[in-house]
Amino acid sequence: MKKTLALYLIVSLLLLSGCQAGEQSKTIQYSDDLGRTVTLPSQIERVAPSGNPAQILLFSLAADKMVGWANRPRSYQAKYIAEKYQNLPEFGAFYGKRGNLNLEELMAADVQLVVDFGERKNGIVEQLDQLQAKIGKPIIFIEGDIDTMAAAYRKLGALLDCSERAEQLAGFCEQTIAYANDRRARVDAPLNVYLGDGDDGYEAIAADNIHGRVIQMIGANNVAQIEQTSGKGGNLISAEQLLNWQPDVILFNRPQALESAQNDATFQSLNAPLYQVPDALYNWMGRPPSINQLMGIYWLGNLLYPDVYDADVRQKASQFYALFFNYQISQEELDALLQPAD
């Protein structure tokens, strides 16, 4: 009897062990936002981003599941990132004009899933399918921009088993977009805004450029009503073009541009206030275009229409960095970010 019982227990343990192993090896079929059906592990613990937008989405939601950066934070960004994440491997961008994928680093990280996030581009289905075949790892695409960021968090949160945190982040996104929609409708006289990129400020962010969407979202006009050129920066313009536009307010993405404009006869002749766009980990106007644009809504709205956009920008910034990046931003840091106009 004892031998029979012992044998039964051994067999039961073996069956249980086999069942658990089977559970761990299960897969699911996932339909991404391109309509691609991708086979994924049922439990996902090791994820890589395809580029900067995906990196921000993934890191803010599930940092402990991100096994590497598309672009590792630079030295001036490091203070916003907990030390244990700073030296994760760098995989590079996965595709596109700036694709610099380091396949060896990716394979060494034993990635279970690659997440791509952003705008739907021409040929993206073929690109992702080819890349997926090349790396032998599943890749999913989540479509989104600042308007649909809440939905993106919920989708990825459900997939990575962190829906509760995803809901917290989605809530901030939805509140901010609702705030912008409500306050934009109250703007009576839209101001004309120029957003300059590049070191001298003469690279205009075109009105239809995703990197400048905050301008329209808060109820202002982007004076650069020109066809967007492809490439990393904005459209090169002349001093004459800038004078023709006669902006009411001038914004610069880079501190070098503000310094240059302070000694530039064209910018000075416009008699428009010059502002440096806040850049704390990421630029608030959209470098890259992601959740940092949420803070751009509060900042630019309050800057241009303080009687309409009456939210406390400092309080919102403190909430934003604590919630999305687990970083307690100081009042001294906010003083430096929220500099008055030149």
C-alpha atoms as a PDB file:
ATOM      1  CA  MET A   1       0.000   0.000   0.000  1.00  0.00           C
ATOM      2  CA  LYS A   2       2.803   2.396   0.941  1.00  0.00           C
ATOM      3  CA  LYS A   3       4.612   1.617  -2.309  1.00  0.00           C
ATOM      4  CA  THR A   4       1.430   2.215  -4.295  1.00  0.00           C
ATOM      5  CA  LEU A   5       0.824   5.519  -2.515  1.00  0.00           C
ATOM      6  CA  ALA A   6       4.415   6.606  -3.076  1.00  0.00           C
ATOM      7  CA  LEU A   7       4.179   5.698  -6.757  1.00  0.00           C
ATOM      8  CA  TYR A   8       0.900   7.640  -7.031  1.00  0.00           C
ATOM      9  CA  LEU A   9       2.499  10.721  -5.472  1.00  0.00           C
ATOM     10  CA  ILE A  10       5.494  10.544  -7.823  1.00  0.00           C
ATOM     11  CA  VAL A  11       3.259  10.211 -10.873  1.00  0.00           C
ATOM     12  CA  SER A  12       1.064  13.076  -9.633  1.00  0.00           C
ATOM     13  CA  LEU A  13       4.065  15.328  -9.156  1.00  0.00           C
ATOM     14  CA  LEU A  14       5.356  14.483 -12.602  1.00  0.00           C
ATOM     15  CA  LEU A  15       1.963  15.206 -14.141  1.00  0.00           C
ATOM     16  CA  LEU A  16       1.679  18.471 -12.237  1.00  0.00           C
ATOM     17  CA  SER A  17       5.175  19.471 -13.321  1.00  0.00           C
ATOM     18  CA  GLY A  18       4.321  18.665 -16.907  1.00  0.00           C
ATOM     19  CA  CYS A  19       1.095  20.650 -16.672  1.00  0.00           C
ATOM     20  CA  GLN A  20       2.916  23.705 -15.343  1.00  0.00           C
ATOM     21  CA  ALA A  21       5.527  23.464 -18.064  1.00  0.00           C
ATOM     22  CA  GLY A  22       2.737  23.193 -20.603  1.00  0.00           C
ATOM     23  CA  GLU A  23       1.048  26.285 -19.178  1.00  0.00           C
ATOM     24  CA  GLN A  24       4.286  28.264 -19.460  1.00  0.00           C
ATOM     25  CA  SER A  25       4.795  27.210 -23.049  1.00  0.00           C
ATOM     26  CA  LYS A  26       1.301  28.204 -24.171  1.00  0.00           C
ATOM     27  CA  THR A  27       0.923  30.870 -26.830  1.00  0.00           C
ATOM     28  CA  ILE A  28      -1.822  33.241 -27.844  1.00  0.00           C
ATOM     29  CA  GLN A  29      -2.865  34.724 -31.175  1.00  0.00           C
ATOM     30  CA  TYR A  30      -2.787  38.516 -31.086  1.00  0.00           C
ATOM     31  CA  SER A  31      -4.217  40.849 -33.739  1.00  0.00           C
ATOM     32  CA  ASP A  32      -2.275  44.127 -33.769  1.00  0.00           C
ATOM     33  CA  ASP A  33      -3.435  47.509 -35.073  1.00  0.00           C
ATOM     34  CA  LEU A  34      -2.310  46.654 -38.595  1.00  0.00           C
ATOM     35  CA  GLY A  35      -4.519  43.572 -38.666  1.00  0.00           C
ATOM     36  CA  ARG A  36      -1.485  41.282 -38.467  1.00  0.00           C
ATOM     37  CA  THR A  37      -2.008  38.068 -36.492  1.00  0.00           C
ATOM     38  CA  VAL A  38       1.051  37.411 -34.365  1.00  0.00           C
ATOM     39  CA  THR A  39       1.794  34.416 -32.144  1.00  0.00           C
ATOM     40  CA  LEU A  40       2.881  35.564 -28.682  1.00  0.00           C
ATOM     41  CA  PRO A  41       3.838  33.838 -25.426  1.00  0.00           C
ATOM     42  CA  SER A  42       0.944  33.788 -22.973  1.00  0.00           C
ATOM     43  CA  GLN A  43       3.216  35.302 -20.322  1.00  0.00           C
ATOM     44  CA  ILE A  44       5.471  38.097 -21.491  1.00  0.00           C
ATOM     45  CA  GLU A  45       8.323  39.298 -19.285  1.00  0.00           C
ATOM     46  CA  ARG A  46      11.023  40.474 -21.727  1.00  0.00           C
ATOM     47  CA  VAL A  47      10.089  43.227 -24.169  1.00  0.00           C
ATOM     48  CA  ALA A  48      12.058  45.518 -26.499  1.00  0.00           C
ATOM     49  CA  PRO A  49      10.921  48.806 -28.082  1.00  0.00           C
ATOM     50  CA  SER A  50      11.282  49.483 -31.795  1.00  0.00           C
ATOM     51  CA  GLY A  51      12.195  53.168 -31.433  1.00  0.00           C
ATOM     52  CA  ASN A  52      11.799  56.248 -29.252  1.00  0.00           C
ATOM     53  CA  PRO A  53       7.977  56.479 -29.184  1.00  0.00           C
ATOM     54  CA  ALA A  54       7.656  52.782 -28.296  1.00  0.00           C
ATOM     55  CA  GLN A  55      10.465  53.169 -25.774  1.00  0.00           C
ATOM     56  CA  ILE A  56       8.626  55.912 -23.889  1.00  0.00           C
ATOM     57  CA  LEU A  57       5.340  53.998 -23.943  1.00  0.00           C
ATOM     58  CA  LEU A  58       6.951  50.790 -22.703  1.00  0.00           C
ATOM     59  CA  PHE A  59       9.287  52.302 -20.124  1.00  0.00           C
ATOM     60  CA  SER A  60       6.591  54.449 -18.515  1.00  0.00           C
ATOM     61  CA  LEU A  61       4.211  51.482 -18.318  1.00  0.00           C
ATOM     62  CA  ALA A  62       6.373  48.431 -17.526  1.00  0.00           C
ATOM     63  CA  ALA A  63      10.002  49.423 -17.013  1.00  0.00           C
ATOM     64  CA  ASP A  64      10.917  46.116 -15.388  1.00  0.00           C
ATOM     65  CA  LYS A  65       9.866  44.235 -18.519  1.00  0.00           C
ATOM     66  CA  MET A  66      11.887  46.405 -20.888  1.00  0.00           C
ATOM     67  CA  VAL A  67      15.180  44.615 -21.531  1.00  0.00           C
ATOM     68  CA  GLY A  68      16.899  47.349 -23.535  1.00  0.00           C
ATOM     69  CA  TRP A  69      16.641  50.783 -25.104  1.00  0.00           C
ATOM     70  CA  ALA A  70      16.145  51.729 -28.718  1.00  0.00           C
ATOM     71  CA  ASN A  71      18.235  54.774 -27.787  1.00  0.00           C
ATOM     72  CA  ARG A  72      19.831  54.799 -24.350  1.00  0.00           C
ATOM     73  CA  PRO A  73      19.156  58.052 -22.431  1.00  0.00           C
ATOM     74  CA  ARG A  74      21.939  60.587 -22.805  1.00  0.00           C
ATOM     75  CA  SER A  75      23.879  62.006 -19.878  1.00  0.00           C
ATOM     76  CA  TYR A  76      21.570  65.008 -19.443  1.00  0.00           C
ATOM     77  CA  GLN A  77      18.552  62.680 -19.329  1.00  0.00           C
ATOM     78  CA  ALA A  78      19.998  60.143 -16.918  1.00  0.00           C
ATOM     79  CA  LYS A  79      18.854  61.844 -13.720  1.00  0.00           C
ATOM     80  CA  TYR A  80      15.227  61.167 -14.642  1.00  0.00           C
ATOM     81  CA  ILE A  81      15.900  57.429 -14.994  1.00  0.00           C
ATOM     82  CA  ALA A  82      16.488  55.072 -12.068  1.00  0.00           C
ATOM     83  CA  GLU A  83      20.083  53.849 -12.079  1.00  0.00           C
ATOM     84  CA  LYS A  84      19.161  50.192 -12.567  1.00  0.00           C
ATOM     85  CA  TYR A  85      17.735  51.002 -16.010  1.00  0.00           C
ATOM     86  CA  GLN A  86      20.379  53.398 -17.275  1.00  0.00           C
ATOM     87  CA  ASN A  87      22.825  50.802 -18.590  1.00  0.00           C
ATOM     88  CA  LEU A  88      20.410  48.427 -20.254  1.00  0.00           C
ATOM     89  CA  PRO A  89      21.667  47.407 -23.699  1.00  0.00           C
ATOM     90  CA  GLU A  90      20.971  49.643 -26.678  1.00  0.00           C
ATOM     91  CA  PHE A  91      19.324  47.918 -29.645  1.00  0.00           C
ATOM     92  CA  GLY A  92      19.003  50.891 -31.990  1.00  0.00           C
ATOM     93  CA  ALA A  93      15.976  51.741 -34.111  1.00  0.00           C
ATOM     94  CA  PHE A  94      14.384  48.721 -35.737  1.00  0.00           C
ATOM     95  CA  TYR A  95      13.478  50.085 -39.160  1.00  0.00           C
ATOM     96  CA  GLY A  96      13.057  53.241 -41.214  1.00  0.00           C
ATOM     97  CA  LYS A  97      15.557  55.783 -42.487  1.00  0.00           C
ATOM     98  CA  ARG A  98      17.379  55.851 -39.171  1.00  0.00           C
ATOM     99  CA  GLY A  99      17.280  52.126 -38.631  1.00  0.00           C
ATOM    100  CA  ASN A 100      20.420  50.954 -36.876  1.00  0.00           C
ATOM    101  CA  LEU A 101      19.326  47.688 -35.296  1.00  0.00           C
ATOM    102  CA  ASN A 102      22.028  45.854 -33.366  1.00  0.00           C
ATOM    103  CA  LEU A 103      20.840  42.297 -33.943  1.00  0.00           C
ATOM    104  CA  GLU A 104      23.499  40.753 -31.703  1.00  0.00           C
ATOM    105  CA  GLU A 105      22.431  42.835 -28.697  1.00  0.00           C
ATOM    106  CA  LEU A 106      18.790  42.008 -29.346  1.00  0.00           C
ATOM    107  CA  MET A 107      19.371  38.278 -29.541  1.00  0.00           C
ATOM    108  CA  ALA A 108      21.562  38.323 -26.443  1.00  0.00           C
ATOM    109  CA  ALA A 109      18.691  39.915 -24.495  1.00  0.00           C
ATOM    110  CA  ASP A 110      16.443  36.897 -25.155  1.00  0.00           C
ATOM    111  CA  VAL A 111      13.523  39.120 -26.130  1.00  0.00           C
ATOM    112  CA  GLN A 112      10.027  37.625 -26.169  1.00  0.00           C
ATOM    113  CA  LEU A 113       8.319  40.551 -27.903  1.00  0.00           C
ATOM    114  CA  VAL A 114       9.121  43.748 -29.803  1.00  0.00           C
ATOM    115  CA  VAL A 115       6.637  46.613 -29.560  1.00  0.00           C
ATOM    116  CA  ASP A 116       6.312  49.185 -32.319  1.00  0.00           C
ATOM    117  CA  PHE A 117       4.222  52.278 -31.610  1.00  0.00           C
ATOM    118  CA  GLY A 118       3.295  55.407 -33.523  1.00  0.00           C
ATOM    119  CA  GLU A 119       1.873  56.502 -36.836  1.00  0.00           C
ATOM    120  CA  ARG A 120       0.876  54.040 -39.527  1.00  0.00           C
ATOM    121  CA  LYS A 121       3.352  54.471 -42.399  1.00  0.00           C
ATOM    122  CA  ASN A 122       3.273  53.293 -45.993  1.00  0.00           C
ATOM    123  CA  GLY A 123       4.688  49.797 -46.323  1.00  0.00           C
ATOM    124  CA  ILE A 124       4.784  49.198 -42.571  1.00  0.00           C
ATOM    125  CA  VAL A 125       3.092  45.779 -42.743  1.00  0.00           C
ATOM    126  CA  GLU A 126       5.725  44.440 -45.118  1.00  0.00           C
ATOM    127  CA  GLN A 127       8.536  46.038 -43.102  1.00  0.00           C
ATOM    128  CA  LEU A 128       7.418  44.501 -39.830  1.00  0.00           C
ATOM    129  CA  ASP A 129       6.783  41.086 -41.370  1.00  0.00           C
ATOM    130  CA  GLN A 130      10.244  41.068 -42.938  1.00  0.00           C
ATOM    131  CA  LEU A 131      11.892  42.211 -39.734  1.00  0.00           C
ATOM    132  CA  GLN A 132       9.984  39.663 -37.684  1.00  0.00           C
ATOM    133  CA  ALA A 133      11.198  36.896 -39.971  1.00  0.00           C
ATOM    134  CA  LYS A 134      14.744  38.218 -39.731  1.00  0.00           C
ATOM    135  CA  ILE A 135      14.972  38.372 -35.953  1.00  0.00           C
ATOM    136  CA  GLY A 136      12.771  35.358 -35.238  1.00  0.00           C
ATOM    137  CA  LYS A 137      10.840  37.265 -32.574  1.00  0.00           C
ATOM    138  CA  PRO A 138       7.229  38.456 -32.636  1.00  0.00           C
ATOM    139  CA  ILE A 139       6.624  42.142 -33.370  1.00  0.00           C
ATOM    140  CA  ILE A 140       3.329  43.934 -32.782  1.00  0.00           C
ATOM    141  CA  PHE A 141       2.272  47.403 -33.865  1.00  0.00           C
ATOM    142  CA  ILE A 142       0.158  49.698 -31.681  1.00  0.00           C
ATOM    143  CA  GLU A 143      -1.120  52.720 -33.547  1.00  0.00           C
ATOM    144  CA  GLY A 144      -1.318  55.953 -31.643  1.00  0.00           C
ATOM    145  CA  ASP A 145      -0.504  59.589 -31.093  1.00  0.00           C
ATOM    146  CA  ILE A 146      -1.151  62.063 -28.317  1.00  0.00           C
ATOM    147  CA  ASP A 147      -4.936  61.836 -28.832  1.00  0.00           C
ATOM    148  CA  THR A 148      -5.038  58.054 -28.557  1.00  0.00           C
ATOM    149  CA  MET A 149      -2.283  57.491 -26.006  1.00  0.00           C
ATOM    150  CA  ALA A 150      -4.778  56.328 -23.379  1.00  0.00           C
ATOM    151  CA  ALA A 151      -5.986  53.504 -25.629  1.00  0.00           C
ATOM    152  CA  ALA A 152      -2.389  52.515 -26.370  1.00  0.00           C
ATOM    153  CA  TYR A 153      -1.615  52.188 -22.656  1.00  0.00           C
ATOM    154  CA  ARG A 154      -4.676  50.037 -22.114  1.00  0.00           C
ATOM    155  CA  LYS A 155      -3.839  47.725 -25.016  1.00  0.00           C
ATOM    156  CA  LEU A 156      -0.259  47.206 -23.921  1.00  0.00           C
ATOM    157  CA  GLY A 157      -1.238  46.995 -20.261  1.00  0.00           C
ATOM    158  CA  ALA A 158      -3.638  44.146 -20.969  1.00  0.00           C
ATOM    159  CA  LEU A 159      -0.976  42.311 -22.949  1.00  0.00           C
ATOM    160  CA  LEU A 160       1.742  42.737 -20.304  1.00  0.00           C
ATOM    161  CA  ASP A 161      -0.504  42.017 -17.318  1.00  0.00           C
ATOM    162  CA  CYS A 162      -0.265  45.521 -15.869  1.00  0.00           C
ATOM    163  CA  SER A 163      -3.727  46.888 -16.563  1.00  0.00           C
ATOM    164  CA  GLU A 164      -4.016  48.665 -13.231  1.00  0.00           C
ATOM    165  CA  ARG A 165      -0.987  50.834 -13.912  1.00  0.00           C
ATOM    166  CA  ALA A 166      -2.072  51.313 -17.515  1.00  0.00           C
ATOM    167  CA  GLU A 167      -5.378  52.695 -16.260  1.00  0.00           C
ATOM    168  CA  GLN A 168      -3.594  55.259 -14.074  1.00  0.00           C
ATOM    169  CA  LEU A 169      -1.514  56.496 -16.995  1.00  0.00           C
ATOM    170  CA  ALA A 170      -4.471  56.424 -19.377  1.00  0.00           C
ATOM    171  CA  GLY A 171      -6.456  58.498 -16.899  1.00  0.00           C
ATOM    172  CA  PHE A 172      -3.889  61.314 -16.939  1.00  0.00           C
ATOM    173  CA  CYS A 173      -3.845  61.208 -20.741  1.00  0.00           C
ATOM    174  CA  GLU A 174      -7.621  61.400 -21.025  1.00  0.00           C
ATOM    175  CA  GLN A 175      -7.925  64.200 -18.478  1.00  0.00           C
ATOM    176  CA  THR A 176      -5.332  66.265 -20.335  1.00  0.00           C
ATOM    177  CA  ILE A 177      -6.908  65.772 -23.764  1.00  0.00           C
ATOM    178  CA  ALA A 178     -10.364  66.571 -22.374  1.00  0.00           C
ATOM    179  CA  TYR A 179      -8.937  69.708 -20.750  1.00  0.00           C
ATOM    180  CA  ALA A 180      -7.392  70.822 -24.052  1.00  0.00           C
ATOM    181  CA  ASN A 181     -10.587  70.150 -25.983  1.00  0.00           C
ATOM    182  CA  ASP A 182     -12.659  72.126 -23.493  1.00  0.00           C
ATOM    183  CA  ARG A 183     -10.294  75.106 -23.231  1.00  0.00           C
ATOM    184  CA  ARG A 184      -9.530  75.307 -26.948  1.00  0.00           C
ATOM    185  CA  ALA A 185     -13.220  75.960 -27.596  1.00  0.00           C
ATOM    186  CA  ARG A 186     -13.004  79.022 -25.319  1.00  0.00           C
ATOM    187  CA  VAL A 187     -10.150  80.696 -27.218  1.00  0.00           C
ATOM    188  CA  ASP A 188     -11.575  83.779 -28.955  1.00  0.00           C
ATOM    189  CA  ALA A 189      -8.496  85.142 -30.723  1.00  0.00           C
ATOM    190  CA  PRO A 190      -5.969  82.477 -31.773  1.00  0.00           C
ATOM    191  CA  LEU A 191      -2.360  83.631 -31.594  1.00  0.00           C
ATOM    192  CA  ASN A 192       0.127  82.958 -34.392  1.00  0.00           C
ATOM    193  CA  VAL A 193       3.028  80.787 -33.253  1.00  0.00           C
ATOM    194  CA  TYR A 194       6.358  79.913 -34.832  1.00  0.00           C
ATOM    195  CA  LEU A 195       8.168  76.777 -33.608  1.00  0.00           C
ATOM    196  CA  GLY A 196      11.802  76.747 -34.645  1.00  0.00           C
ATOM    197  CA  ASP A 197      14.058  73.735 -34.735  1.00  0.00           C
ATOM    198  CA  GLY A 198      17.770  73.503 -35.443  1.00  0.00           C
ATOM    199  CA  ASP A 199      20.630  75.367 -33.797  1.00  0.00           C
ATOM    200  CA  ASP A 200      19.729  78.748 -35.272  1.00  0.00           C
ATOM    201  CA  GLY A 201      15.938  78.455 -35.185  1.00  0.00           C
ATOM    202  CA  TYR A 202      15.508  78.660 -38.949  1.00  0.00           C
ATOM    203  CA  GLU A 203      14.057  75.160 -39.280  1.00  0.00           C
ATOM    204  CA  ALA A 204      10.299  75.611 -39.119  1.00  0.00           C
ATOM    205  CA  ILE A 205       8.128  72.851 -37.707  1.00  0.00           C
ATOM    206  CA  ALA A 206       5.355  72.761 -40.317  1.00  0.00           C
ATOM    207  CA  ALA A 207       1.716  73.021 -39.320  1.00  0.00           C
ATOM    208  CA  ASP A 208       1.013  69.395 -40.270  1.00  0.00           C
ATOM    209  CA  ASN A 209       4.115  68.053 -38.511  1.00  0.00           C
ATOM    210  CA  ILE A 210       3.329  65.732 -35.597  1.00  0.00           C
ATOM    211  CA  HIS A 211       6.173  67.355 -33.645  1.00  0.00           C
ATOM    212  CA  GLY A 212       4.170  70.573 -33.422  1.00  0.00           C
ATOM    213  CA  ARG A 213       0.646  69.280 -32.825  1.00  0.00           C
ATOM    214  CA  VAL A 214       0.417  70.921 -29.420  1.00  0.00           C
ATOM    215  CA  ILE A 215       0.091  74.343 -31.091  1.00  0.00           C
ATOM    216  CA  GLN A 216      -3.202  73.457 -32.743  1.00  0.00           C
ATOM    217  CA  MET A 217      -4.390  71.408 -29.776  1.00  0.00           C
ATOM    218  CA  ILE A 218      -4.399  74.428 -27.482  1.00  0.00           C
ATOM    219  CA  GLY A 219      -6.126  76.686 -30.015  1.00  0.00           C
ATOM    220  CA  ALA A 220      -3.263  78.595 -31.629  1.00  0.00           C
ATOM    221  CA  ASN A 221      -2.181  78.877 -35.275  1.00  0.00           C
ATOM    222  CA  ASN A 222       1.119  77.499 -36.535  1.00  0.00           C
ATOM    223  CA  VAL A 223       2.343  80.134 -39.003  1.00  0.00           C
ATOM    224  CA  ALA A 224       4.367  77.561 -40.957  1.00  0.00           C
ATOM    225  CA  GLN A 225       1.593  76.599 -43.357  1.00  0.00           C
ATOM    226  CA  ILE A 226       4.004  74.845 -45.664  1.00  0.00           C
ATOM    227  CA  GLU A 227       4.442  71.338 -46.962  1.00  0.00           C
ATOM    228  CA  GLN A 228       6.415  69.269 -44.499  1.00  0.00           C
ATOM    229  CA  THR A 229       9.760  67.998 -45.721  1.00  0.00           C
ATOM    230  CA  SER A 230      11.054  64.596 -44.719  1.00  0.00           C
ATOM    231  CA  GLY A 231      13.985  64.234 -42.405  1.00  0.00           C
ATOM    232  CA  LYS A 232      14.935  64.636 -38.783  1.00  0.00           C
ATOM    233  CA  GLY A 233      14.408  68.382 -38.424  1.00  0.00           C
ATOM    234  CA  GLY A 234      12.002  70.980 -39.712  1.00  0.00           C
ATOM    235  CA  ASN A 235      11.798  72.911 -42.983  1.00  0.00           C
ATOM    236  CA  LEU A 236      14.670  75.270 -43.707  1.00  0.00           C
ATOM    237  CA  ILE A 237      13.270  78.780 -44.166  1.00  0.00           C
ATOM    238  CA  SER A 238      14.682  82.219 -44.934  1.00  0.00           C
ATOM    239  CA  ALA A 239      14.634  85.356 -42.832  1.00  0.00           C
ATOM    240  CA  GLU A 240      12.276  86.881 -45.391  1.00  0.00           C
ATOM    241  CA  GLN A 241       9.781  84.042 -44.923  1.00  0.00           C
ATOM    242  CA  LEU A 242       9.865  84.497 -41.175  1.00  0.00           C
ATOM    243  CA  LEU A 243       9.243  88.238 -41.531  1.00  0.00           C
ATOM    244  CA  ASN A 244       6.282  87.549 -43.823  1.00  0.00           C
ATOM    245  CA  TRP A 245       4.682  85.289 -41.231  1.00  0.00           C
ATOM    246  CA  GLN A 246       4.869  87.874 -38.420  1.00  0.00           C
ATOM    247  CA  PRO A 247       4.327  85.435 -35.523  1.00  0.00           C
ATOM    248  CA  ASP A 248       2.947  86.685 -32.210  1.00  0.00           C
ATOM    249  CA  VAL A 249       5.024  84.198 -30.226  1.00  0.00           C
ATOM    250  CA  ILE A 250       8.255  82.366 -31.099  1.00  0.00           C
ATOM    251  CA  LEU A 251       9.253  79.011 -29.585  1.00  0.00           C
ATOM    252  CA  PHE A 252      12.568  77.204 -29.901  1.00  0.00           C
ATOM    253  CA  ASN A 253      13.220  73.518 -29.362  1.00  0.00           C
ATOM    254  CA  ARG A 254      16.918  74.014 -28.626  1.00  0.00           C
ATOM    255  CA  PRO A 255      18.709  76.383 -26.245  1.00  0.00           C
ATOM    256  CA  GLN A 256      21.280  77.130 -28.965  1.00  0.00           C
ATOM    257  CA  ALA A 257      18.488  78.528 -31.137  1.00  0.00           C
ATOM    258  CA  LEU A 258      17.275  80.852 -28.398  1.00  0.00           C
ATOM    259  CA  GLU A 259      20.812  82.117 -27.833  1.00  0.00           C
ATOM    260  CA  SER A 260      21.243  82.642 -31.571  1.00  0.00           C
ATOM    261  CA  ALA A 261      17.918  84.470 -31.911  1.00  0.00           C
ATOM    262  CA  GLN A 262      18.828  86.866 -29.125  1.00  0.00           C
ATOM    263  CA  ASN A 263      21.580  88.180 -31.409  1.00  0.00           C
ATOM    264  CA  ASP A 264      19.726  87.815 -34.701  1.00  0.00           C
ATOM    265  CA  ALA A 265      18.396  90.990 -36.338  1.00  0.00           C
ATOM    266  CA  THR A 266      15.445  89.233 -37.969  1.00  0.00           C
ATOM    267  CA  PHE A 267      14.142  87.619 -34.796  1.00  0.00           C
ATOM    268  CA  GLN A 268      14.673  90.831 -32.824  1.00  0.00           C
ATOM    269  CA  SER A 269      12.815  92.926 -35.389  1.00  0.00           C
ATOM    270  CA  LEU A 270       9.664  90.853 -34.996  1.00  0.00           C
ATOM    271  CA  ASN A 271       9.109  92.109 -31.449  1.00  0.00           C
ATOM    272  CA  ALA A 272       7.620  88.748 -30.531  1.00  0.00           C
ATOM    273  CA  PRO A 273       8.528  87.112 -27.205  1.00  0.00           C
ATOM    274  CA  LEU A 274      11.048  84.263 -27.499  1.00  0.00           C
ATOM    275  CA  TYR A 275      10.613  81.115 -25.429  1.00  0.00           C
ATOM    276  CA  GLN A 276      12.651  77.981 -24.896  1.00  0.00           C
ATOM    277  CA  VAL A 277      10.483  74.849 -24.971  1.00  0.00           C
ATOM    278  CA  PRO A 278      10.910  72.964 -21.673  1.00  0.00           C
ATOM    279  CA  ASP A 279      12.963  69.821 -22.073  1.00  0.00           C
ATOM    280  CA  ALA A 280      13.045  67.522 -19.062  1.00  0.00           C
ATOM    281  CA  LEU A 281      13.957  64.025 -20.217  1.00  0.00           C
ATOM    282  CA  TYR A 282      11.997  64.807 -23.393  1.00  0.00           C
ATOM    283  CA  ASN A 283      10.968  68.021 -25.148  1.00  0.00           C
ATOM    284  CA  TRP A 284       7.415  69.083 -24.216  1.00  0.00           C
ATOM    285  CA  MET A 285       6.433  70.084 -27.763  1.00  0.00           C
ATOM    286  CA  GLY A 286       7.198  66.703 -29.254  1.00  0.00           C
ATOM    287  CA  ARG A 287      10.795  65.551 -29.562  1.00  0.00           C
ATOM    288  CA  PRO A 288       9.904  62.718 -29.799  1.00  0.00           C
ATOM    289  CA  PRO A 289       6.103  62.906 -30.197  1.00  0.00           C
ATOM    290  CA  SER A 290       4.776  61.073 -27.150  1.00  0.00           C
ATOM    291  CA  ILE A 291       3.450  61.644 -23.636  1.00  0.00           C
ATOM    292  CA  ASN A 292       5.801  64.629 -23.186  1.00  0.00           C
ATOM    293  CA  GLN A 293       3.302  66.521 -25.374  1.00  0.00           C
ATOM    294  CA  LEU A 294       0.794  66.249 -22.527  1.00  0.00           C
ATOM    295  CA  MET A 295       2.957  68.648 -20.550  1.00  0.00           C
ATOM    296  CA  GLY A 296       3.237  70.797 -23.665  1.00  0.00           C
ATOM    297  CA  ILE A 297      -0.537  71.293 -23.545  1.00  0.00           C
ATOM    298  CA  TYR A 298      -0.422  72.612 -19.986  1.00  0.00           C
ATOM    299  CA  TRP A 299       2.674  74.744 -20.566  1.00  0.00           C
ATOM    300  CA  LEU A 300       1.799  76.334 -23.917  1.00  0.00           C
ATOM    301  CA  GLY A 301      -1.871  76.745 -23.070  1.00  0.00           C
ATOM    302  CA  ASN A 302      -1.008  78.612 -19.888  1.00  0.00           C
ATOM    303  CA  LEU A 303       1.677  80.620 -21.673  1.00  0.00           C
ATOM    304  CA  LEU A 304      -0.559  81.882 -24.485  1.00  0.00           C
ATOM    305  CA  TYR A 305      -3.962  81.955 -22.818  1.00  0.00           C
ATOM    306  CA  PRO A 306      -3.487  82.150 -19.037  1.00  0.00           C
ATOM    307  CA  ASP A 307      -7.103  83.225 -18.456  1.00  0.00           C
ATOM    308  CA  VAL A 308      -8.362  80.127 -20.273  1.00  0.00           C
ATOM    309  CA  TYR A 309      -5.744  77.521 -19.369  1.00  0.00           C
ATOM    310  CA  ASP A 310      -5.736  77.991 -15.630  1.00  0.00           C
ATOM    311  CA  ALA A 311      -4.283  74.641 -14.493  1.00  0.00           C
ATOM    312  CA  ASP A 312      -1.231  74.882 -12.235  1.00  0.00           C
ATOM    313  CA  VAL A 313       1.622  73.939 -14.579  1.00  0.00           C
ATOM    314  CA  ARG A 314       4.004  73.217 -11.724  1.00  0.00           C
ATOM    315  CA  GLN A 315       1.541  70.934 -10.000  1.00  0.00           C
ATOM    316  CA  LYS A 316       0.826  69.117 -13.266  1.00  0.00           C
ATOM    317  CA  ALA A 317       4.546  68.705 -13.985  1.00  0.00           C
ATOM    318  CA  SER A 318       5.128  67.258 -10.507  1.00  0.00           C
ATOM    319  CA  GLN A 319       2.239  64.843 -11.025  1.00  0.00           C
ATOM    320  CA  PHE A 320       3.372  63.911 -14.529  1.00  0.00           C
ATOM    321  CA  TYR A 321       6.986  63.055 -13.685  1.00  0.00           C
ATOM    322  CA  ALA A 322       6.057  61.166 -10.527  1.00  0.00           C
ATOM    323  CA  LEU A 323       3.366  59.151 -12.313  1.00  0.00           C
ATOM    324  CA  PHE A 324       5.047  58.348 -15.629  1.00  0.00           C
ATOM    325  CA  PHE A 325       8.728  58.209 -14.633  1.00  0.00           C
ATOM    326  CA  ASN A 326       8.706  57.818 -10.837  1.00  0.00           C
ATOM    327  CA  TYR A 327      10.761  61.006 -10.611  1.00  0.00           C
ATOM    328  CA  GLN A 328      10.217  63.739  -8.031  1.00  0.00           C
ATOM    329  CA  ILE A 329      10.936  66.945  -9.904  1.00  0.00           C
ATOM    330  CA  SER A 330      12.119  69.795  -7.687  1.00  0.00           C
ATOM    331  CA  GLN A 331      10.970  73.395  -7.594  1.00  0.00           C
ATOM    332  CA  GLU A 332      14.467  74.451  -8.634  1.00  0.00           C
ATOM    333  CA  GLU A 333      14.223  72.239 -11.711  1.00  0.00           C
ATOM    334  CA  LEU A 334      10.831  73.720 -12.526  1.00  0.00           C
ATOM    335  CA  ASP A 335      12.265  77.226 -12.137  1.00  0.00           C
ATOM    336  CA  ALA A 336      14.867  76.380 -14.773  1.00  0.00           C
ATOM    337  CA  LEU A 337      12.305  74.810 -17.097  1.00  0.00           C
ATOM    338  CA  LEU A 338       9.682  77.529 -16.893  1.00  0.00           C
ATOM    339  CA  GLN A 339      11.904  80.464 -17.767  1.00  0.00           C
ATOM    340  CA  PRO A 340      10.264  83.766 -18.708  1.00  0.00           C
ATOM    341  CA  ALA A 341      10.430  85.069 -22.262  1.00  0.00           C
ATOM    342  CA  ASP A 342      13.495  86.870 -23.550  1.00  0.00           C
END
